[in-house]
Amino acid sequence: MLDKAVAAVKADQTKALAMFNNGEGGFKDRDLYPFCFDSGNGTVAATPAKNLIGTDVRALKDKTGKPFGEELYRAAQKGTLTEVSYMFPRPGSDTTPSRRSASSPRSAR
C-alpha cells in the first residue's frame, strides 16, 4: 500500500489525499491506511481520524502519553524508511487502543 500511496500522491496530490481520507481506491484495508502530513510544517493532511486533519503531527500522543507524533515528524526529516510504534485506536467504533506501527518515507512530492 505504501508504494501505491506514494505513486498516487506523485500523480495527483489533491486527489490522492481525498481518496486516503475517504478510504477509497483500495487505500483502506481493515485497519491499514495511509497517514500523511506535511514534512515542512507538520500539518496532518490524511487520516481516517478526521478531527486530526489540519493539526500539527508533532503534538500527537498515544493513549499511554508517548509523543509519537514528534517521532513521526523526525523520521520524515531523515528521508528514510523508519518505523514508529505507538498505541492508537483502530478506525471505526472500537476506541480500544491497539499497538500501531507507522513507516515514514519522506515525501512523495
PDB file of N, CA and C in Angstrom:
ATOM      1  N   MET A   1       0.821  -1.199   0.000  1.00  0.00           N
ATOM      2  CA  MET A   1       0.000   0.000   0.000  1.00  0.00           C
ATOM      3  C   MET A   1       0.862   1.257   0.000  1.00  0.00           C
ATOM      4  N   LEU A   2       2.019   1.207   0.655  1.00  0.00           N
ATOM      5  CA  LEU A   2       2.891   2.377   0.727  1.00  0.00           C
ATOM      6  C   LEU A   2       3.332   2.832  -0.664  1.00  0.00           C
ATOM      7  N   ASP A   3       3.795   1.899  -1.489  1.00  0.00           N
ATOM      8  CA  ASP A   3       4.225   2.268  -2.843  1.00  0.00           C
ATOM      9  C   ASP A   3       3.067   2.829  -3.661  1.00  0.00           C
ATOM     10  N   LYS A   4       1.893   2.238  -3.499  1.00  0.00           N
ATOM     11  CA  LYS A   4       0.700   2.706  -4.212  1.00  0.00           C
ATOM     12  C   LYS A   4       0.329   4.126  -3.760  1.00  0.00           C
ATOM     13  N   ALA A   5       0.420   4.381  -2.462  1.00  0.00           N
ATOM     14  CA  ALA A   5       0.095   5.708  -1.932  1.00  0.00           C
ATOM     15  C   ALA A   5       1.078   6.757  -2.429  1.00  0.00           C
ATOM     16  N   VAL A   6       2.368   6.425  -2.437  1.00  0.00           N
ATOM     17  CA  VAL A   6       3.385   7.360  -2.938  1.00  0.00           C
ATOM     18  C   VAL A   6       3.126   7.675  -4.408  1.00  0.00           C
ATOM     19  N   ALA A   7       2.837   6.646  -5.202  1.00  0.00           N
ATOM     20  CA  ALA A   7       2.559   6.856  -6.629  1.00  0.00           C
ATOM     21  C   ALA A   7       1.324   7.738  -6.818  1.00  0.00           C
ATOM     22  N   ALA A   8       0.287   7.534  -6.004  1.00  0.00           N
ATOM     23  CA  ALA A   8      -0.938   8.332  -6.122  1.00  0.00           C
ATOM     24  C   ALA A   8      -0.666   9.795  -5.803  1.00  0.00           C
ATOM     25  N   VAL A   9       0.135  10.069  -4.777  1.00  0.00           N
ATOM     26  CA  VAL A   9       0.454  11.456  -4.416  1.00  0.00           C
ATOM     27  C   VAL A   9       1.278  12.116  -5.515  1.00  0.00           C
ATOM     28  N   LYS A  10       2.220  11.382  -6.077  1.00  0.00           N
ATOM     29  CA  LYS A  10       3.029  11.935  -7.166  1.00  0.00           C
ATOM     30  C   LYS A  10       2.176  12.262  -8.383  1.00  0.00           C
ATOM     31  N   ALA A  11       1.172  11.433  -8.661  1.00  0.00           N
ATOM     32  CA  ALA A  11       0.312  11.644  -9.824  1.00  0.00           C
ATOM     33  C   ALA A  11      -0.636  12.818  -9.628  1.00  0.00           C
ATOM     34  N   ASP A  12      -1.263  12.918  -8.461  1.00  0.00           N
ATOM     35  CA  ASP A  12      -2.234  13.987  -8.201  1.00  0.00           C
ATOM     36  C   ASP A  12      -2.448  14.070  -6.682  1.00  0.00           C
ATOM     37  N   GLN A  13      -1.710  14.958  -6.041  1.00  0.00           N
ATOM     38  CA  GLN A  13      -1.721  15.042  -4.587  1.00  0.00           C
ATOM     39  C   GLN A  13      -3.114  15.299  -4.018  1.00  0.00           C
ATOM     40  N   THR A  14      -3.840  16.238  -4.564  1.00  0.00           N
ATOM     41  CA  THR A  14      -5.168  16.581  -4.057  1.00  0.00           C
ATOM     42  C   THR A  14      -6.109  15.387  -4.140  1.00  0.00           C
ATOM     43  N   LYS A  15      -6.126  14.724  -5.278  1.00  0.00           N
ATOM     44  CA  LYS A  15      -6.988  13.553  -5.465  1.00  0.00           C
ATOM     45  C   LYS A  15      -6.565  12.432  -4.522  1.00  0.00           C
ATOM     46  N   ALA A  16      -5.268  12.206  -4.393  1.00  0.00           N
ATOM     47  CA  ALA A  16      -4.767  11.135  -3.531  1.00  0.00           C
ATOM     48  C   ALA A  16      -5.167  11.362  -2.081  1.00  0.00           C
ATOM     49  N   LEU A  17      -4.979  12.570  -1.569  1.00  0.00           N
ATOM     50  CA  LEU A  17      -5.337  12.855  -0.179  1.00  0.00           C
ATOM     51  C   LEU A  17      -6.832  12.658   0.054  1.00  0.00           C
ATOM     52  N   ALA A  18      -7.656  13.051  -0.911  1.00  0.00           N
ATOM     53  CA  ALA A  18      -9.107  12.844  -0.788  1.00  0.00           C
ATOM     54  C   ALA A  18      -9.427  11.351  -0.740  1.00  0.00           C
ATOM     55  N   MET A  19      -8.766  10.551  -1.590  1.00  0.00           N
ATOM     56  CA  MET A  19      -9.000   9.104  -1.576  1.00  0.00           C
ATOM     57  C   MET A  19      -8.543   8.497  -0.253  1.00  0.00           C
ATOM     58  N   PHE A  20      -7.406   8.941   0.277  1.00  0.00           N
ATOM     59  CA  PHE A  20      -6.920   8.429   1.559  1.00  0.00           C
ATOM     60  C   PHE A  20      -7.926   8.741   2.665  1.00  0.00           C
ATOM     61  N   ASN A  21      -8.392   9.989   2.698  1.00  0.00           N
ATOM     62  CA  ASN A  21      -9.326  10.415   3.755  1.00  0.00           C
ATOM     63  C   ASN A  21     -10.668   9.702   3.677  1.00  0.00           C
ATOM     64  N   ASN A  22     -11.068   9.304   2.471  1.00  0.00           N
ATOM     65  CA  ASN A  22     -12.353   8.630   2.288  1.00  0.00           C
ATOM     66  C   ASN A  22     -12.223   7.108   2.236  1.00  0.00           C
ATOM     67  N   GLY A  23     -10.996   6.589   2.321  1.00  0.00           N
ATOM     68  CA  GLY A  23     -10.789   5.145   2.263  1.00  0.00           C
ATOM     69  C   GLY A  23     -11.131   4.551   0.911  1.00  0.00           C
ATOM     70  N   GLU A  24     -10.973   5.341  -0.138  1.00  0.00           N
ATOM     71  CA  GLU A  24     -11.319   4.899  -1.494  1.00  0.00           C
ATOM     72  C   GLU A  24     -10.078   4.424  -2.247  1.00  0.00           C
ATOM     73  N   GLY A  25     -10.311   3.753  -3.373  1.00  0.00           N
ATOM     74  CA  GLY A  25      -9.222   3.346  -4.248  1.00  0.00           C
ATOM     75  C   GLY A  25      -8.313   2.280  -3.654  1.00  0.00           C
ATOM     76  N   GLY A  26      -8.828   1.525  -2.691  1.00  0.00           N
ATOM     77  CA  GLY A  26      -8.012   0.491  -2.064  1.00  0.00           C
ATOM     78  C   GLY A  26      -7.071   1.030  -0.996  1.00  0.00           C
ATOM     79  N   PHE A  27      -7.319   2.260  -0.538  1.00  0.00           N
ATOM     80  CA  PHE A  27      -6.444   2.873   0.460  1.00  0.00           C
ATOM     81  C   PHE A  27      -6.936   2.699   1.896  1.00  0.00           C
ATOM     82  N   LYS A  28      -7.788   1.720   2.110  1.00  0.00           N
ATOM     83  CA  LYS A  28      -8.152   1.324   3.467  1.00  0.00           C
ATOM     84  C   LYS A  28      -8.423  -0.168   3.437  1.00  0.00           C
ATOM     85  N   ASP A  29      -7.632  -0.897   4.195  1.00  0.00           N
ATOM     86  CA  ASP A  29      -7.775  -2.340   4.265  1.00  0.00           C
ATOM     87  C   ASP A  29      -7.815  -2.721   5.742  1.00  0.00           C
ATOM     88  N   ARG A  30      -9.022  -2.952   6.260  1.00  0.00           N
ATOM     89  CA  ARG A  30      -9.258  -3.197   7.686  1.00  0.00           C
ATOM     90  C   ARG A  30      -8.714  -2.014   8.488  1.00  0.00           C
ATOM     91  N   ASP A  31      -7.582  -2.182   9.191  1.00  0.00           N
ATOM     92  CA  ASP A  31      -7.031  -1.059   9.956  1.00  0.00           C
ATOM     93  C   ASP A  31      -5.710  -0.568   9.376  1.00  0.00           C
ATOM     94  N   LEU A  32      -5.494  -0.836   8.100  1.00  0.00           N
ATOM     95  CA  LEU A  32      -4.310  -0.355   7.389  1.00  0.00           C
ATOM     96  C   LEU A  32      -4.729   0.789   6.463  1.00  0.00           C
ATOM     97  N   TYR A  33      -4.067   1.932   6.588  1.00  0.00           N
ATOM     98  CA  TYR A  33      -4.440   3.104   5.806  1.00  0.00           C
ATOM     99  C   TYR A  33      -3.264   4.081   5.751  1.00  0.00           C
ATOM    100  N   PRO A  34      -3.217   4.943   4.719  1.00  0.00           N
ATOM    101  CA  PRO A  34      -2.184   5.984   4.672  1.00  0.00           C
ATOM    102  C   PRO A  34      -2.479   7.084   5.694  1.00  0.00           C
ATOM    103  N   PHE A  35      -1.434   7.572   6.307  1.00  0.00           N
ATOM    104  CA  PHE A  35      -1.499   8.709   7.229  1.00  0.00           C
ATOM    105  C   PHE A  35      -0.462   9.689   6.704  1.00  0.00           C
ATOM    106  N   CYS A  36      -0.884  10.880   6.321  1.00  0.00           N
ATOM    107  CA  CYS A  36       0.028  11.836   5.687  1.00  0.00           C
ATOM    108  C   CYS A  36       0.054  13.166   6.416  1.00  0.00           C
ATOM    109  N   PHE A  37       1.252  13.755   6.449  1.00  0.00           N
ATOM    110  CA  PHE A  37       1.395  15.101   6.990  1.00  0.00           C
ATOM    111  C   PHE A  37       2.479  15.821   6.201  1.00  0.00           C
ATOM    112  N   ASP A  38       2.433  17.141   6.255  1.00  0.00           N
ATOM    113  CA  ASP A  38       3.417  17.974   5.576  1.00  0.00           C
ATOM    114  C   ASP A  38       4.727  17.893   6.346  1.00  0.00           C
ATOM    115  N   SER A  39       5.787  17.449   5.690  1.00  0.00           N
ATOM    116  CA  SER A  39       7.068  17.280   6.391  1.00  0.00           C
ATOM    117  C   SER A  39       7.727  18.619   6.705  1.00  0.00           C
ATOM    118  N   GLY A  40       7.203  19.704   6.156  1.00  0.00           N
ATOM    119  CA  GLY A  40       7.737  21.031   6.467  1.00  0.00           C
ATOM    120  C   GLY A  40       7.150  21.608   7.743  1.00  0.00           C
ATOM    121  N   ASN A  41       5.822  21.715   7.770  1.00  0.00           N
ATOM    122  CA  ASN A  41       5.185  22.344   8.943  1.00  0.00           C
ATOM    123  C   ASN A  41       4.459  21.361   9.853  1.00  0.00           C
ATOM    124  N   GLY A  42       4.419  20.085   9.482  1.00  0.00           N
ATOM    125  CA  GLY A  42       3.824  19.069  10.338  1.00  0.00           C
ATOM    126  C   GLY A  42       2.315  18.956  10.283  1.00  0.00           C
ATOM    127  N   THR A  43       1.646  19.678   9.395  1.00  0.00           N
ATOM    128  CA  THR A  43       0.195  19.659   9.329  1.00  0.00           C
ATOM    129  C   THR A  43      -0.316  18.326   8.791  1.00  0.00           C
ATOM    130  N   VAL A  44      -1.211  17.687   9.556  1.00  0.00           N
ATOM    131  CA  VAL A  44      -1.799  16.413   9.149  1.00  0.00           C
ATOM    132  C   VAL A  44      -2.724  16.658   7.961  1.00  0.00           C
ATOM    133  N   ALA A  45      -2.544  15.836   6.886  1.00  0.00           N
ATOM    134  CA  ALA A  45      -3.333  16.019   5.675  1.00  0.00           C
ATOM    135  C   ALA A  45      -4.261  14.848   5.382  1.00  0.00           C
ATOM    136  N   ALA A  46      -3.934  13.654   5.851  1.00  0.00           N
ATOM    137  CA  ALA A  46      -4.770  12.494   5.551  1.00  0.00           C
ATOM    138  C   ALA A  46      -4.735  11.487   6.684  1.00  0.00           C
ATOM    139  N   THR A  47      -5.931  11.133   7.161  1.00  0.00           N
ATOM    140  CA  THR A  47      -6.110  10.141   8.221  1.00  0.00           C
ATOM    141  C   THR A  47      -7.589   9.826   8.336  1.00  0.00           C
ATOM    142  N   PRO A  48      -7.954   8.592   8.718  1.00  0.00           N
ATOM    143  CA  PRO A  48      -9.369   8.308   8.960  1.00  0.00           C
ATOM    144  C   PRO A  48      -9.921   9.110  10.148  1.00  0.00           C
ATOM    145  N   ALA A  49      -9.038   9.574  11.041  1.00  0.00           N
ATOM    146  CA  ALA A  49      -9.467  10.384  12.190  1.00  0.00           C
ATOM    147  C   ALA A  49      -9.607  11.832  11.723  1.00  0.00           C
ATOM    148  N   LYS A  50     -10.758  12.151  11.183  1.00  0.00           N
ATOM    149  CA  LYS A  50     -10.986  13.470  10.565  1.00  0.00           C
ATOM    150  C   LYS A  50     -10.689  14.634  11.503  1.00  0.00           C
ATOM    151  N   ASN A  51     -10.844  14.430  12.805  1.00  0.00           N
ATOM    152  CA  ASN A  51     -10.581  15.510  13.753  1.00  0.00           C
ATOM    153  C   ASN A  51      -9.095  15.876  13.828  1.00  0.00           C
ATOM    154  N   LEU A  52      -8.223  15.055  13.278  1.00  0.00           N
ATOM    155  CA  LEU A  52      -6.787  15.351  13.294  1.00  0.00           C
ATOM    156  C   LEU A  52      -6.316  16.125  12.065  1.00  0.00           C
ATOM    157  N   ILE A  53      -7.125  16.159  11.012  1.00  0.00           N
ATOM    158  CA  ILE A  53      -6.730  16.863   9.792  1.00  0.00           C
ATOM    159  C   ILE A  53      -6.566  18.344  10.102  1.00  0.00           C
ATOM    160  N   GLY A  54      -5.425  18.890   9.719  1.00  0.00           N
ATOM    161  CA  GLY A  54      -5.120  20.300   9.958  1.00  0.00           C
ATOM    162  C   GLY A  54      -4.369  20.554  11.251  1.00  0.00           C
ATOM    163  N   THR A  55      -4.205  19.522  12.087  1.00  0.00           N
ATOM    164  CA  THR A  55      -3.454  19.686  13.327  1.00  0.00           C
ATOM    165  C   THR A  55      -1.968  19.416  13.078  1.00  0.00           C
ATOM    166  N   ASP A  56      -1.139  19.725  14.037  1.00  0.00           N
ATOM    167  CA  ASP A  56       0.304  19.510  13.929  1.00  0.00           C
ATOM    168  C   ASP A  56       0.635  18.103  14.404  1.00  0.00           C
ATOM    169  N   VAL A  57       1.213  17.304  13.526  1.00  0.00           N
ATOM    170  CA  VAL A  57       1.552  15.923  13.856  1.00  0.00           C
ATOM    171  C   VAL A  57       2.452  15.835  15.083  1.00  0.00           C
ATOM    172  N   ARG A  58       3.289  16.839  15.295  1.00  0.00           N
ATOM    173  CA  ARG A  58       4.238  16.806  16.414  1.00  0.00           C
ATOM    174  C   ARG A  58       3.542  16.826  17.770  1.00  0.00           C
ATOM    175  N   ALA A  59       2.277  17.227  17.815  1.00  0.00           N
ATOM    176  CA  ALA A  59       1.540  17.288  19.079  1.00  0.00           C
ATOM    177  C   ALA A  59       0.850  15.970  19.434  1.00  0.00           C
ATOM    178  N   LEU A  60       0.862  14.997  18.521  1.00  0.00           N
ATOM    179  CA  LEU A  60       0.146  13.747  18.765  1.00  0.00           C
ATOM    180  C   LEU A  60       0.836  12.890  19.823  1.00  0.00           C
ATOM    181  N   LYS A  61       0.014  12.424  20.750  1.00  0.00           N
ATOM    182  CA  LYS A  61       0.481  11.490  21.781  1.00  0.00           C
ATOM    183  C   LYS A  61      -0.457  10.297  21.765  1.00  0.00           C
ATOM    184  N   ASP A  62       0.085   9.123  22.089  1.00  0.00           N
ATOM    185  CA  ASP A  62      -0.789   7.955  22.132  1.00  0.00           C
ATOM    186  C   ASP A  62      -1.490   7.862  23.478  1.00  0.00           C
ATOM    187  N   LYS A  63      -2.275   6.823  23.668  1.00  0.00           N
ATOM    188  CA  LYS A  63      -3.076   6.672  24.895  1.00  0.00           C
ATOM    189  C   LYS A  63      -2.221   6.483  26.142  1.00  0.00           C
ATOM    190  N   THR A  64      -0.926   6.148  25.970  1.00  0.00           N
ATOM    191  CA  THR A  64      -0.038   5.998  27.123  1.00  0.00           C
ATOM    192  C   THR A  64       0.739   7.281  27.400  1.00  0.00           C
ATOM    193  N   GLY A  65       0.548   8.301  26.546  1.00  0.00           N
ATOM    194  CA  GLY A  65       1.253   9.566  26.712  1.00  0.00           C
ATOM    195  C   GLY A  65       2.517   9.677  25.883  1.00  0.00           C
ATOM    196  N   LYS A  66       2.860   8.636  25.125  1.00  0.00           N
ATOM    197  CA  LYS A  66       4.062   8.662  24.288  1.00  0.00           C
ATOM    198  C   LYS A  66       3.880   9.686  23.164  1.00  0.00           C
ATOM    199  N   PRO A  67       4.829  10.623  23.000  1.00  0.00           N
ATOM    200  CA  PRO A  67       4.727  11.636  21.940  1.00  0.00           C
ATOM    201  C   PRO A  67       5.172  11.073  20.581  1.00  0.00           C
ATOM    202  N   PHE A  68       4.365  10.179  20.022  1.00  0.00           N
ATOM    203  CA  PHE A  68       4.753   9.510  18.780  1.00  0.00           C
ATOM    204  C   PHE A  68       4.737  10.440  17.575  1.00  0.00           C
ATOM    205  N   GLY A  69       3.954  11.507  17.638  1.00  0.00           N
ATOM    206  CA  GLY A  69       3.905  12.456  16.525  1.00  0.00           C
ATOM    207  C   GLY A  69       5.251  13.114  16.282  1.00  0.00           C
ATOM    208  N   GLU A  70       5.946  13.443  17.341  1.00  0.00           N
ATOM    209  CA  GLU A  70       7.289  14.025  17.209  1.00  0.00           C
ATOM    210  C   GLU A  70       8.232  13.024  16.563  1.00  0.00           C
ATOM    211  N   GLU A  71       8.107  11.742  16.910  1.00  0.00           N
ATOM    212  CA  GLU A  71       8.932  10.701  16.289  1.00  0.00           C
ATOM    213  C   GLU A  71       8.636  10.587  14.797  1.00  0.00           C
ATOM    214  N   LEU A  72       7.340  10.630  14.440  1.00  0.00           N
ATOM    215  CA  LEU A  72       6.965  10.581  13.026  1.00  0.00           C
ATOM    216  C   LEU A  72       7.567  11.756  12.263  1.00  0.00           C
ATOM    217  N   TYR A  73       7.470  12.944  12.862  1.00  0.00           N
ATOM    218  CA  TYR A  73       7.995  14.154  12.219  1.00  0.00           C
ATOM    219  C   TYR A  73       9.506  14.045  12.006  1.00  0.00           C
ATOM    220  N   ARG A  74      10.233  13.624  13.048  1.00  0.00           N
ATOM    221  CA  ARG A  74      11.695  13.478  12.927  1.00  0.00           C
ATOM    222  C   ARG A  74      12.065  12.438  11.882  1.00  0.00           C
ATOM    223  N   ALA A  75      11.308  11.348  11.823  1.00  0.00           N
ATOM    224  CA  ALA A  75      11.575  10.300  10.837  1.00  0.00           C
ATOM    225  C   ALA A  75      11.413  10.839   9.420  1.00  0.00           C
ATOM    226  N   ALA A  76      10.397  11.675   9.205  1.00  0.00           N
ATOM    227  CA  ALA A  76      10.168  12.258   7.882  1.00  0.00           C
ATOM    228  C   ALA A  76      11.307  13.194   7.494  1.00  0.00           C
ATOM    229  N   GLN A  77      11.916  13.851   8.455  1.00  0.00           N
ATOM    230  CA  GLN A  77      13.020  14.764   8.172  1.00  0.00           C
ATOM    231  C   GLN A  77      14.252  14.006   7.680  1.00  0.00           C
ATOM    232  N   LYS A  78      14.424  12.776   8.151  1.00  0.00           N
ATOM    233  CA  LYS A  78      15.575  11.964   7.759  1.00  0.00           C
ATOM    234  C   LYS A  78      15.478  11.509   6.311  1.00  0.00           C
ATOM    235  N   GLY A  79      14.250  11.350   5.817  1.00  0.00           N
ATOM    236  CA  GLY A  79      14.060  10.928   4.442  1.00  0.00           C
ATOM    237  C   GLY A  79      14.319   9.443   4.226  1.00  0.00           C
ATOM    238  N   THR A  80      14.295   8.665   5.289  1.00  0.00           N
ATOM    239  CA  THR A  80      14.496   7.225   5.173  1.00  0.00           C
ATOM    240  C   THR A  80      13.276   6.491   5.703  1.00  0.00           C
ATOM    241  N   LEU A  81      13.149   5.236   5.344  1.00  0.00           N
ATOM    242  CA  LEU A  81      12.047   4.429   5.831  1.00  0.00           C
ATOM    243  C   LEU A  81      12.316   4.091   7.288  1.00  0.00           C
ATOM    244  N   THR A  82      11.446   4.567   8.167  1.00  0.00           N
ATOM    245  CA  THR A  82      11.609   4.406   9.605  1.00  0.00           C
ATOM    246  C   THR A  82      10.300   3.920  10.183  1.00  0.00           C
ATOM    247  N   GLU A  83      10.357   3.031  11.160  1.00  0.00           N
ATOM    248  CA  GLU A  83       9.145   2.549  11.800  1.00  0.00           C
ATOM    249  C   GLU A  83       8.992   3.182  13.174  1.00  0.00           C
ATOM    250  N   VAL A  84       7.788   3.684  13.447  1.00  0.00           N
ATOM    251  CA  VAL A  84       7.457   4.282  14.740  1.00  0.00           C
ATOM    252  C   VAL A  84       6.289   3.496  15.308  1.00  0.00           C
ATOM    253  N   SER A  85       6.418   3.023  16.549  1.00  0.00           N
ATOM    254  CA  SER A  85       5.354   2.245  17.194  1.00  0.00           C
ATOM    255  C   SER A  85       4.638   3.106  18.236  1.00  0.00           C
ATOM    256  N   TYR A  86       3.327   2.884  18.376  1.00  0.00           N
ATOM    257  CA  TYR A  86       2.517   3.650  19.312  1.00  0.00           C
ATOM    258  C   TYR A  86       1.202   2.933  19.533  1.00  0.00           C
ATOM    259  N   MET A  87       0.436   3.353  20.524  1.00  0.00           N
ATOM    260  CA  MET A  87      -0.886   2.801  20.826  1.00  0.00           C
ATOM    261  C   MET A  87      -1.947   3.785  20.334  1.00  0.00           C
ATOM    262  N   PHE A  88      -2.861   3.319  19.485  1.00  0.00           N
ATOM    263  CA  PHE A  88      -3.868   4.196  18.899  1.00  0.00           C
ATOM    264  C   PHE A  88      -5.097   3.362  18.550  1.00  0.00           C
ATOM    265  N   PRO A  89      -6.294   3.930  18.646  1.00  0.00           N
ATOM    266  CA  PRO A  89      -7.498   3.160  18.302  1.00  0.00           C
ATOM    267  C   PRO A  89      -7.549   2.824  16.813  1.00  0.00           C
ATOM    268  N   ARG A  90      -8.145   1.691  16.509  1.00  0.00           N
ATOM    269  CA  ARG A  90      -8.379   1.331  15.102  1.00  0.00           C
ATOM    270  C   ARG A  90      -9.479   2.246  14.561  1.00  0.00           C
ATOM    271  N   PRO A  91      -9.515   2.466  13.244  1.00  0.00           N
ATOM    272  CA  PRO A  91     -10.620   3.245  12.679  1.00  0.00           C
ATOM    273  C   PRO A  91     -11.951   2.537  12.940  1.00  0.00           C
ATOM    274  N   GLY A  92     -12.983   3.291  13.200  1.00  0.00           N
ATOM    275  CA  GLY A  92     -14.303   2.713  13.442  1.00  0.00           C
ATOM    276  C   GLY A  92     -14.791   2.994  14.845  1.00  0.00           C
ATOM    277  N   SER A  93     -15.719   2.180  15.288  1.00  0.00           N
ATOM    278  CA  SER A  93     -16.377   2.449  16.562  1.00  0.00           C
ATOM    279  C   SER A  93     -15.615   1.924  17.780  1.00  0.00           C
ATOM    280  N   ASP A  94     -14.710   0.964  17.596  1.00  0.00           N
ATOM    281  CA  ASP A  94     -13.937   0.424  18.724  1.00  0.00           C
ATOM    282  C   ASP A  94     -12.801   1.392  19.051  1.00  0.00           C
ATOM    283  N   THR A  95     -12.884   2.039  20.187  1.00  0.00           N
ATOM    284  CA  THR A  95     -11.872   3.029  20.558  1.00  0.00           C
ATOM    285  C   THR A  95     -10.779   2.451  21.459  1.00  0.00           C
ATOM    286  N   THR A  96     -10.755   1.126  21.603  1.00  0.00           N
ATOM    287  CA  THR A  96      -9.719   0.484  22.411  1.00  0.00           C
ATOM    288  C   THR A  96      -8.369   0.653  21.726  1.00  0.00           C
ATOM    289  N   PRO A  97      -7.378   1.237  22.409  1.00  0.00           N
ATOM    290  CA  PRO A  97      -6.067   1.403  21.780  1.00  0.00           C
ATOM    291  C   PRO A  97      -5.419   0.058  21.464  1.00  0.00           C
ATOM    292  N   SER A  98      -4.767  -0.014  20.316  1.00  0.00           N
ATOM    293  CA  SER A  98      -4.018  -1.203  19.938  1.00  0.00           C
ATOM    294  C   SER A  98      -2.651  -0.757  19.430  1.00  0.00           C
ATOM    295  N   ARG A  99      -1.700  -1.679  19.471  1.00  0.00           N
ATOM    296  CA  ARG A  99      -0.351  -1.349  19.006  1.00  0.00           C
ATOM    297  C   ARG A  99      -0.399  -1.057  17.522  1.00  0.00           C
ATOM    298  N   ARG A 100       0.118   0.080  17.132  1.00  0.00           N
ATOM    299  CA  ARG A 100       0.160   0.522  15.741  1.00  0.00           C
ATOM    300  C   ARG A 100       1.611   0.711  15.361  1.00  0.00           C
ATOM    301  N   SER A 101       1.854   0.748  14.089  1.00  0.00           N
ATOM    302  CA  SER A 101       3.197   0.960  13.595  1.00  0.00           C
ATOM    303  C   SER A 101       3.083   1.799  12.339  1.00  0.00           C
ATOM    304  N   ALA A 102       3.958   2.770  12.184  1.00  0.00           N
ATOM    305  CA  ALA A 102       3.927   3.635  11.011  1.00  0.00           C
ATOM    306  C   ALA A 102       5.295   3.648  10.353  1.00  0.00           C
ATOM    307  N   SER A 103       5.298   3.534   9.047  1.00  0.00           N
ATOM    308  CA  SER A 103       6.530   3.679   8.275  1.00  0.00           C
ATOM    309  C   SER A 103       6.530   5.080   7.720  1.00  0.00           C
ATOM    310  N   SER A 104       7.656   5.737   7.788  1.00  0.00           N
ATOM    311  CA  SER A 104       7.683   7.143   7.416  1.00  0.00           C
ATOM    312  C   SER A 104       8.709   7.434   6.330  1.00  0.00           C
ATOM    313  N   PRO A 105       8.333   7.240   5.067  1.00  0.00           N
ATOM    314  CA  PRO A 105       9.225   7.677   4.000  1.00  0.00           C
ATOM    315  C   PRO A 105       9.025   9.157   3.774  1.00  0.00           C
ATOM    316  N   ARG A 106      10.060   9.836   3.347  1.00  0.00           N
ATOM    317  CA  ARG A 106       9.879  11.259   3.065  1.00  0.00           C
ATOM    318  C   ARG A 106       9.135  11.416   1.785  1.00  0.00           C
ATOM    319  N   SER A 107       8.477  12.429   1.713  1.00  0.00           N
ATOM    320  CA  SER A 107       7.512  12.880   0.740  1.00  0.00           C
ATOM    321  C   SER A 107       7.512  12.279  -0.644  1.00  0.00           C
ATOM    322  N   ALA A 108       6.320  12.182  -1.118  1.00  0.00           N
ATOM    323  CA  ALA A 108       6.081  11.742  -2.486  1.00  0.00           C
ATOM    324  C   ALA A 108       6.001  12.935  -3.410  1.00  0.00           C
ATOM    325  N   ARG A 109       6.173  14.119  -2.888  1.00  0.00           N
ATOM    326  CA  ARG A 109       6.063  15.312  -3.739  1.00  0.00           C
ATOM    327  C   ARG A 109       7.320  15.544  -4.502  1.00  0.00           C
TER     328      ARG A 109
END
